Amino acid sequence: MSGTKTSNGSGEMGTVSRACTGWTGFSPPIRVRRIGKESLPVPVEDVACIKAVLAGDKETFSKIVERYRKRAFLTAYGIVHNEQDAWDLSQEAFIRAYRNLKKFDLSRPFYPWFYRILKNRCLSFLRKRKQMAEVSIEGVFGLKTSEIDHDQARLVQECVAALPENAREIVNLRYYQGYSYQEIADILEKPIGSVMSGLFYARKKLKELLQEKGL
């Protein structure tokens, strides 16, 4: 996924990563806990797991992940419309939820709280992806940000990803990270002339790819 980072499976975050290695089905039936005079749909299994995690049993959080990961994936996919991105973002959301469990109200259902974390992460990802695409379009075509819509941003990302590795690297350094020609030359250990000619080729190829997609 472009722009996202996932846990490498080591340390305390390994609990989440290991639980995110496959699907085990939908969430179990909800049992209701009575809170004062009102009944809220709070799965008692969730409460028990979260209490155990807060007490120091970190591995128990994997049960929460297993219970909700398919629903989380489908939620993320409905927002970002990309399978790999949805998987990565749902895993990141579980990690954030894990790190913020102390803020969770045990009298409330877990998933609505988690859903807000996941949704915010997905929207943040989309904003960042659009900003990156805007930079690339402005650099290659001279278009203004106001002229760029979501579909165009997505097409640019796809076309950049389709560039040959060397061309993609130069485009990333120049348009996404904002390095100067000299800085790129230093990073890649190449003559500045090679960087400039490489960028010229990359822009030409990117234009061809975008034109094929009707942009």
C-alpha atoms as a PDB file:
ATOM      1  CA  MET A   1       0.000   0.000   0.000  1.00  0.00           C
ATOM      2  CA  SER A   2       1.274   3.385  -0.847  1.00  0.00           C
ATOM      3  CA  GLY A   3       1.941   5.532   2.137  1.00  0.00           C
ATOM      4  CA  THR A   4       1.075   3.098   4.868  1.00  0.00           C
ATOM      5  CA  LYS A   5       3.199   1.169   7.360  1.00  0.00           C
ATOM      6  CA  THR A   6       2.323  -2.107   8.982  1.00  0.00           C
ATOM      7  CA  SER A   7       3.691  -3.925  11.992  1.00  0.00           C
ATOM      8  CA  ASN A   8       6.571  -6.280  11.318  1.00  0.00           C
ATOM      9  CA  GLY A   9       5.210  -8.889  13.706  1.00  0.00           C
ATOM     10  CA  SER A  10       7.830  -8.354  16.423  1.00  0.00           C
ATOM     11  CA  GLY A  11       7.346  -6.992  19.931  1.00  0.00           C
ATOM     12  CA  GLU A  12       3.969  -6.240  21.435  1.00  0.00           C
ATOM     13  CA  MET A  13       2.458  -5.349  18.041  1.00  0.00           C
ATOM     14  CA  GLY A  14       3.155  -8.900  16.908  1.00  0.00           C
ATOM     15  CA  THR A  15      -0.088  -9.829  18.643  1.00  0.00           C
ATOM     16  CA  VAL A  16      -2.073  -7.795  16.132  1.00  0.00           C
ATOM     17  CA  SER A  17       0.008  -8.848  13.128  1.00  0.00           C
ATOM     18  CA  ARG A  18      -0.290 -12.553  13.888  1.00  0.00           C
ATOM     19  CA  ALA A  19      -4.039 -12.231  14.312  1.00  0.00           C
ATOM     20  CA  CYS A  20      -4.293 -10.492  10.929  1.00  0.00           C
ATOM     21  CA  THR A  21      -2.993 -13.423   8.884  1.00  0.00           C
ATOM     22  CA  GLY A  22      -6.329 -14.848   7.717  1.00  0.00           C
ATOM     23  CA  TRP A  23     -10.088 -14.766   8.106  1.00  0.00           C
ATOM     24  CA  THR A  24     -11.963 -16.854  10.646  1.00  0.00           C
ATOM     25  CA  GLY A  25     -15.537 -15.782   9.999  1.00  0.00           C
ATOM     26  CA  PHE A  26     -18.001 -13.206  11.235  1.00  0.00           C
ATOM     27  CA  SER A  27     -18.473 -11.802  14.731  1.00  0.00           C
ATOM     28  CA  PRO A  28     -20.231 -14.026  17.291  1.00  0.00           C
ATOM     29  CA  PRO A  29     -23.779 -13.317  18.480  1.00  0.00           C
ATOM     30  CA  ILE A  30     -23.996 -10.352  20.823  1.00  0.00           C
ATOM     31  CA  ARG A  31     -24.945 -10.908  24.429  1.00  0.00           C
ATOM     32  CA  VAL A  32     -26.340  -7.892  26.246  1.00  0.00           C
ATOM     33  CA  ARG A  33     -24.961  -6.419  29.456  1.00  0.00           C
ATOM     34  CA  ARG A  34     -27.311  -4.243  31.475  1.00  0.00           C
ATOM     35  CA  ILE A  35     -25.918  -0.786  32.218  1.00  0.00           C
ATOM     36  CA  GLY A  36     -28.073   1.019  34.771  1.00  0.00           C
ATOM     37  CA  LYS A  37     -31.615   1.287  33.443  1.00  0.00           C
ATOM     38  CA  GLU A  38     -30.607   0.895  29.808  1.00  0.00           C
ATOM     39  CA  SER A  39     -29.518  -2.183  27.879  1.00  0.00           C
ATOM     40  CA  LEU A  40     -26.628  -1.659  25.471  1.00  0.00           C
ATOM     41  CA  PRO A  41     -25.415  -4.280  22.978  1.00  0.00           C
ATOM     42  CA  VAL A  42     -22.019  -4.826  24.571  1.00  0.00           C
ATOM     43  CA  PRO A  43     -20.516  -8.273  23.840  1.00  0.00           C
ATOM     44  CA  VAL A  44     -19.357  -9.657  27.175  1.00  0.00           C
ATOM     45  CA  GLU A  45     -16.525 -11.446  25.349  1.00  0.00           C
ATOM     46  CA  ASP A  46     -15.122  -8.065  24.303  1.00  0.00           C
ATOM     47  CA  VAL A  47     -15.254  -6.705  27.829  1.00  0.00           C
ATOM     48  CA  ALA A  48     -13.460  -9.758  29.207  1.00  0.00           C
ATOM     49  CA  CYS A  49     -10.752  -9.560  26.528  1.00  0.00           C
ATOM     50  CA  ILE A  50     -10.159  -5.843  26.969  1.00  0.00           C
ATOM     51  CA  LYS A  51      -9.965  -6.156  30.749  1.00  0.00           C
ATOM     52  CA  ALA A  52      -7.419  -8.941  30.327  1.00  0.00           C
ATOM     53  CA  VAL A  53      -5.318  -6.830  27.962  1.00  0.00           C
ATOM     54  CA  LEU A  54      -5.406  -3.862  30.322  1.00  0.00           C
ATOM     55  CA  ALA A  55      -4.323  -6.197  33.114  1.00  0.00           C
ATOM     56  CA  GLY A  56      -1.242  -7.168  31.125  1.00  0.00           C
ATOM     57  CA  ASP A  57      -2.339 -10.139  29.005  1.00  0.00           C
ATOM     58  CA  LYS A  58      -1.444  -8.579  25.649  1.00  0.00           C
ATOM     59  CA  GLU A  59      -1.962 -11.757  23.627  1.00  0.00           C
ATOM     60  CA  THR A  60      -5.682 -11.711  24.426  1.00  0.00           C
ATOM     61  CA  PHE A  61      -6.144  -8.759  22.077  1.00  0.00           C
ATOM     62  CA  SER A  62      -5.771 -11.218  19.202  1.00  0.00           C
ATOM     63  CA  LYS A  63      -9.277 -12.463  20.050  1.00  0.00           C
ATOM     64  CA  ILE A  64     -10.656  -8.975  19.414  1.00  0.00           C
ATOM     65  CA  VAL A  65      -8.811  -8.826  16.099  1.00  0.00           C
ATOM     66  CA  GLU A  66     -10.088 -12.244  15.037  1.00  0.00           C
ATOM     67  CA  ARG A  67     -13.639 -11.284  15.969  1.00  0.00           C
ATOM     68  CA  TYR A  68     -13.765  -8.042  13.987  1.00  0.00           C
ATOM     69  CA  ARG A  69     -11.091  -8.176  11.293  1.00  0.00           C
ATOM     70  CA  LYS A  70     -13.406  -9.232   8.467  1.00  0.00           C
ATOM     71  CA  ARG A  71     -15.864  -6.477   9.320  1.00  0.00           C
ATOM     72  CA  ALA A  72     -12.955  -4.034   9.565  1.00  0.00           C
ATOM     73  CA  PHE A  73     -11.613  -5.078   6.172  1.00  0.00           C
ATOM     74  CA  LEU A  74     -15.013  -4.656   4.517  1.00  0.00           C
ATOM     75  CA  THR A  75     -15.439  -1.244   6.139  1.00  0.00           C
ATOM     76  CA  ALA A  76     -12.026  -0.067   4.960  1.00  0.00           C
ATOM     77  CA  TYR A  77     -12.558  -1.490   1.481  1.00  0.00           C
ATOM     78  CA  GLY A  78     -15.829   0.409   1.207  1.00  0.00           C
ATOM     79  CA  ILE A  79     -13.910   3.640   1.799  1.00  0.00           C
ATOM     80  CA  VAL A  80     -10.635   3.186  -0.106  1.00  0.00           C
ATOM     81  CA  HIS A  81     -11.785   0.695  -2.792  1.00  0.00           C
ATOM     82  CA  ASN A  82      -8.482  -1.170  -2.830  1.00  0.00           C
ATOM     83  CA  GLU A  83      -8.052  -4.617  -1.310  1.00  0.00           C
ATOM     84  CA  GLN A  84      -4.435  -4.340  -0.163  1.00  0.00           C
ATOM     85  CA  ASP A  85      -4.886  -0.815   1.176  1.00  0.00           C
ATOM     86  CA  ALA A  86      -8.012  -1.917   3.050  1.00  0.00           C
ATOM     87  CA  TRP A  87      -6.132  -4.795   4.641  1.00  0.00           C
ATOM     88  CA  ASP A  88      -3.187  -2.589   5.664  1.00  0.00           C
ATOM     89  CA  LEU A  89      -5.423   0.165   7.017  1.00  0.00           C
ATOM     90  CA  SER A  90      -7.567  -2.211   9.052  1.00  0.00           C
ATOM     91  CA  GLN A  91      -4.419  -3.666  10.620  1.00  0.00           C
ATOM     92  CA  GLU A  92      -3.137  -0.172  11.412  1.00  0.00           C
ATOM     93  CA  ALA A  93      -6.482   0.668  13.007  1.00  0.00           C
ATOM     94  CA  PHE A  94      -6.282  -2.401  15.250  1.00  0.00           C
ATOM     95  CA  ILE A  95      -2.797  -1.351  16.323  1.00  0.00           C
ATOM     96  CA  ARG A  96      -4.046   2.148  17.149  1.00  0.00           C
ATOM     97  CA  ALA A  97      -6.976   0.717  19.063  1.00  0.00           C
ATOM     98  CA  TYR A  98      -4.601  -1.507  21.024  1.00  0.00           C
ATOM     99  CA  ARG A  99      -2.431   1.451  21.948  1.00  0.00           C
ATOM    100  CA  ASN A 100      -5.449   3.475  23.067  1.00  0.00           C
ATOM    101  CA  LEU A 101      -7.388   0.818  24.982  1.00  0.00           C
ATOM    102  CA  LYS A 102      -7.001   2.785  28.216  1.00  0.00           C
ATOM    103  CA  LYS A 103      -9.251   5.441  26.671  1.00  0.00           C
ATOM    104  CA  PHE A 104     -11.988   2.938  25.824  1.00  0.00           C
ATOM    105  CA  ASP A 105     -15.218   3.079  27.844  1.00  0.00           C
ATOM    106  CA  LEU A 106     -15.999  -0.493  28.894  1.00  0.00           C
ATOM    107  CA  SER A 107     -19.677   0.369  29.231  1.00  0.00           C
ATOM    108  CA  ARG A 108     -19.888   0.936  25.483  1.00  0.00           C
ATOM    109  CA  PRO A 109     -19.618  -1.504  22.532  1.00  0.00           C
ATOM    110  CA  PHE A 110     -16.112  -1.924  21.154  1.00  0.00           C
ATOM    111  CA  TYR A 111     -16.799  -1.841  17.420  1.00  0.00           C
ATOM    112  CA  PRO A 112     -18.381   1.649  17.130  1.00  0.00           C
ATOM    113  CA  TRP A 113     -15.339   3.031  18.962  1.00  0.00           C
ATOM    114  CA  PHE A 114     -12.995   1.050  16.732  1.00  0.00           C
ATOM    115  CA  TYR A 115     -14.978   2.047  13.638  1.00  0.00           C
ATOM    116  CA  ARG A 116     -14.231   5.719  14.275  1.00  0.00           C
ATOM    117  CA  ILE A 117     -10.513   4.944  14.523  1.00  0.00           C
ATOM    118  CA  LEU A 118     -10.646   2.944  11.290  1.00  0.00           C
ATOM    119  CA  LYS A 119     -12.698   5.511   9.395  1.00  0.00           C
ATOM    120  CA  ASN A 120     -10.411   8.371  10.421  1.00  0.00           C
ATOM    121  CA  ARG A 121      -7.365   6.366   9.354  1.00  0.00           C
ATOM    122  CA  CYS A 122      -8.923   5.609   5.956  1.00  0.00           C
ATOM    123  CA  LEU A 123      -9.914   9.227   5.348  1.00  0.00           C
ATOM    124  CA  SER A 124      -6.450  10.401   6.345  1.00  0.00           C
ATOM    125  CA  PHE A 125      -4.949   7.913   3.892  1.00  0.00           C
ATOM    126  CA  LEU A 126      -7.192   9.164   1.074  1.00  0.00           C
ATOM    127  CA  ARG A 127      -6.282  12.784   1.783  1.00  0.00           C
ATOM    128  CA  LYS A 128      -2.580  11.964   1.723  1.00  0.00           C
ATOM    129  CA  ARG A 129      -2.920   9.957  -1.489  1.00  0.00           C
ATOM    130  CA  LYS A 130      -4.770  12.815  -3.172  1.00  0.00           C
ATOM    131  CA  GLN A 131      -2.162  15.342  -2.029  1.00  0.00           C
ATOM    132  CA  MET A 132       0.639  13.174  -3.416  1.00  0.00           C
ATOM    133  CA  ALA A 133      -1.155  12.819  -6.729  1.00  0.00           C
ATOM    134  CA  GLU A 134      -1.800  16.563  -6.851  1.00  0.00           C
ATOM    135  CA  VAL A 135       1.907  17.242  -6.464  1.00  0.00           C
ATOM    136  CA  SER A 136       2.686  14.846  -9.292  1.00  0.00           C
ATOM    137  CA  ILE A 137       0.034  16.264 -11.631  1.00  0.00           C
ATOM    138  CA  GLU A 138       1.121  19.822 -10.936  1.00  0.00           C
ATOM    139  CA  GLY A 139       4.747  18.924 -11.565  1.00  0.00           C
ATOM    140  CA  VAL A 140       4.140  17.015 -14.778  1.00  0.00           C
ATOM    141  CA  PHE A 141       1.219  18.895 -16.313  1.00  0.00           C
ATOM    142  CA  GLY A 142       1.138  22.266 -14.571  1.00  0.00           C
ATOM    143  CA  LEU A 143      -2.481  21.749 -13.510  1.00  0.00           C
ATOM    144  CA  LYS A 144      -3.831  23.552 -10.464  1.00  0.00           C
ATOM    145  CA  THR A 145      -5.037  21.617  -7.444  1.00  0.00           C
ATOM    146  CA  SER A 146      -8.580  22.893  -8.015  1.00  0.00           C
ATOM    147  CA  GLU A 147      -8.601  21.158 -11.406  1.00  0.00           C
ATOM    148  CA  ILE A 148      -7.873  17.714  -9.937  1.00  0.00           C
ATOM    149  CA  ASP A 149     -10.598  15.322  -8.819  1.00  0.00           C
ATOM    150  CA  HIS A 150     -10.461  12.047  -6.899  1.00  0.00           C
ATOM    151  CA  ASP A 151     -10.517   9.837 -10.000  1.00  0.00           C
ATOM    152  CA  GLN A 152      -7.606  11.721 -11.554  1.00  0.00           C
ATOM    153  CA  ALA A 153      -5.615  11.386  -8.353  1.00  0.00           C
ATOM    154  CA  ARG A 154      -6.207   7.640  -8.361  1.00  0.00           C
ATOM    155  CA  LEU A 155      -5.152   7.346 -12.015  1.00  0.00           C
ATOM    156  CA  VAL A 156      -1.916   9.204 -11.339  1.00  0.00           C
ATOM    157  CA  GLN A 157      -1.084   6.837  -8.486  1.00  0.00           C
ATOM    158  CA  GLU A 158      -1.722   3.843 -10.728  1.00  0.00           C
ATOM    159  CA  CYS A 159       0.410   5.246 -13.542  1.00  0.00           C
ATOM    160  CA  VAL A 160       3.299   6.156 -11.255  1.00  0.00           C
ATOM    161  CA  ALA A 161       3.217   2.619  -9.868  1.00  0.00           C
ATOM    162  CA  ALA A 162       3.383   1.288 -13.445  1.00  0.00           C
ATOM    163  CA  LEU A 163       6.585   3.188 -14.288  1.00  0.00           C
ATOM    164  CA  PRO A 164       9.865   1.260 -14.529  1.00  0.00           C
ATOM    165  CA  GLU A 165      11.599   1.117 -11.158  1.00  0.00           C
ATOM    166  CA  ASN A 166      14.300   3.698 -11.942  1.00  0.00           C
ATOM    167  CA  ALA A 167      11.791   6.167 -13.378  1.00  0.00           C
ATOM    168  CA  ARG A 168       9.391   5.642 -10.474  1.00  0.00           C
ATOM    169  CA  GLU A 169      12.179   6.302  -7.988  1.00  0.00           C
ATOM    170  CA  ILE A 170      13.124   9.612  -9.593  1.00  0.00           C
ATOM    171  CA  VAL A 171       9.478  10.748  -9.828  1.00  0.00           C
ATOM    172  CA  ASN A 172       8.986   9.882  -6.173  1.00  0.00           C
ATOM    173  CA  LEU A 173      12.075  11.797  -5.065  1.00  0.00           C
ATOM    174  CA  ARG A 174      11.334  14.840  -7.218  1.00  0.00           C
ATOM    175  CA  TYR A 175       7.558  15.293  -7.090  1.00  0.00           C
ATOM    176  CA  TYR A 176       6.477  13.480  -3.939  1.00  0.00           C
ATOM    177  CA  GLN A 177       9.399  14.262  -1.643  1.00  0.00           C
ATOM    178  CA  GLY A 178      10.462  17.563  -3.178  1.00  0.00           C
ATOM    179  CA  TYR A 179      14.194  16.952  -3.589  1.00  0.00           C
ATOM    180  CA  SER A 180      16.244  19.132  -5.937  1.00  0.00           C
ATOM    181  CA  TYR A 181      18.108  17.667  -8.906  1.00  0.00           C
ATOM    182  CA  GLN A 182      21.389  17.897  -7.014  1.00  0.00           C
ATOM    183  CA  GLU A 183      19.925  16.216  -3.936  1.00  0.00           C
ATOM    184  CA  ILE A 184      18.541  13.387  -6.065  1.00  0.00           C
ATOM    185  CA  ALA A 185      21.934  13.005  -7.723  1.00  0.00           C
ATOM    186  CA  ASP A 186      23.558  12.738  -4.291  1.00  0.00           C
ATOM    187  CA  ILE A 187      20.972  10.218  -3.045  1.00  0.00           C
ATOM    188  CA  LEU A 188      21.230   8.002  -6.129  1.00  0.00           C
ATOM    189  CA  GLU A 189      24.967   8.599  -6.552  1.00  0.00           C
ATOM    190  CA  LYS A 190      24.497   9.596 -10.183  1.00  0.00           C
ATOM    191  CA  PRO A 191      25.627  12.598 -12.254  1.00  0.00           C
ATOM    192  CA  ILE A 192      23.088  15.409 -12.194  1.00  0.00           C
ATOM    193  CA  GLY A 193      22.785  15.131 -15.978  1.00  0.00           C
ATOM    194  CA  SER A 194      21.665  11.516 -15.616  1.00  0.00           C
ATOM    195  CA  VAL A 195      19.050  12.565 -13.084  1.00  0.00           C
ATOM    196  CA  MET A 196      17.683  15.267 -15.381  1.00  0.00           C
ATOM    197  CA  SER A 197      17.532  12.957 -18.395  1.00  0.00           C
ATOM    198  CA  GLY A 198      15.989  10.230 -16.242  1.00  0.00           C
ATOM    199  CA  LEU A 199      13.305  12.614 -15.034  1.00  0.00           C
ATOM    200  CA  PHE A 200      12.637  13.747 -18.608  1.00  0.00           C
ATOM    201  CA  TYR A 201      12.075  10.121 -19.606  1.00  0.00           C
ATOM    202  CA  ALA A 202       9.914   9.464 -16.537  1.00  0.00           C
ATOM    203  CA  ARG A 203       7.675  12.457 -17.257  1.00  0.00           C
ATOM    204  CA  LYS A 204       7.324  11.451 -20.894  1.00  0.00           C
ATOM    205  CA  LYS A 205       6.415   7.891 -19.941  1.00  0.00           C
ATOM    206  CA  LEU A 206       4.001   9.075 -17.267  1.00  0.00           C
ATOM    207  CA  LYS A 207       2.235  11.343 -19.755  1.00  0.00           C
ATOM    208  CA  GLU A 208       1.866   8.428 -22.152  1.00  0.00           C
ATOM    209  CA  LEU A 209       0.382   6.212 -19.450  1.00  0.00           C
ATOM    210  CA  LEU A 210      -2.030   8.912 -18.323  1.00  0.00           C
ATOM    211  CA  GLN A 211      -3.108   9.653 -21.887  1.00  0.00           C
ATOM    212  CA  GLU A 212      -3.867   5.960 -22.357  1.00  0.00           C
ATOM    213  CA  LYS A 213      -6.230   6.270 -19.400  1.00  0.00           C
ATOM    214  CA  GLY A 214      -7.862   9.356 -20.872  1.00  0.00           C
ATOM    215  CA  LEU A 215      -6.326  11.999 -18.596  1.00  0.00           C
END
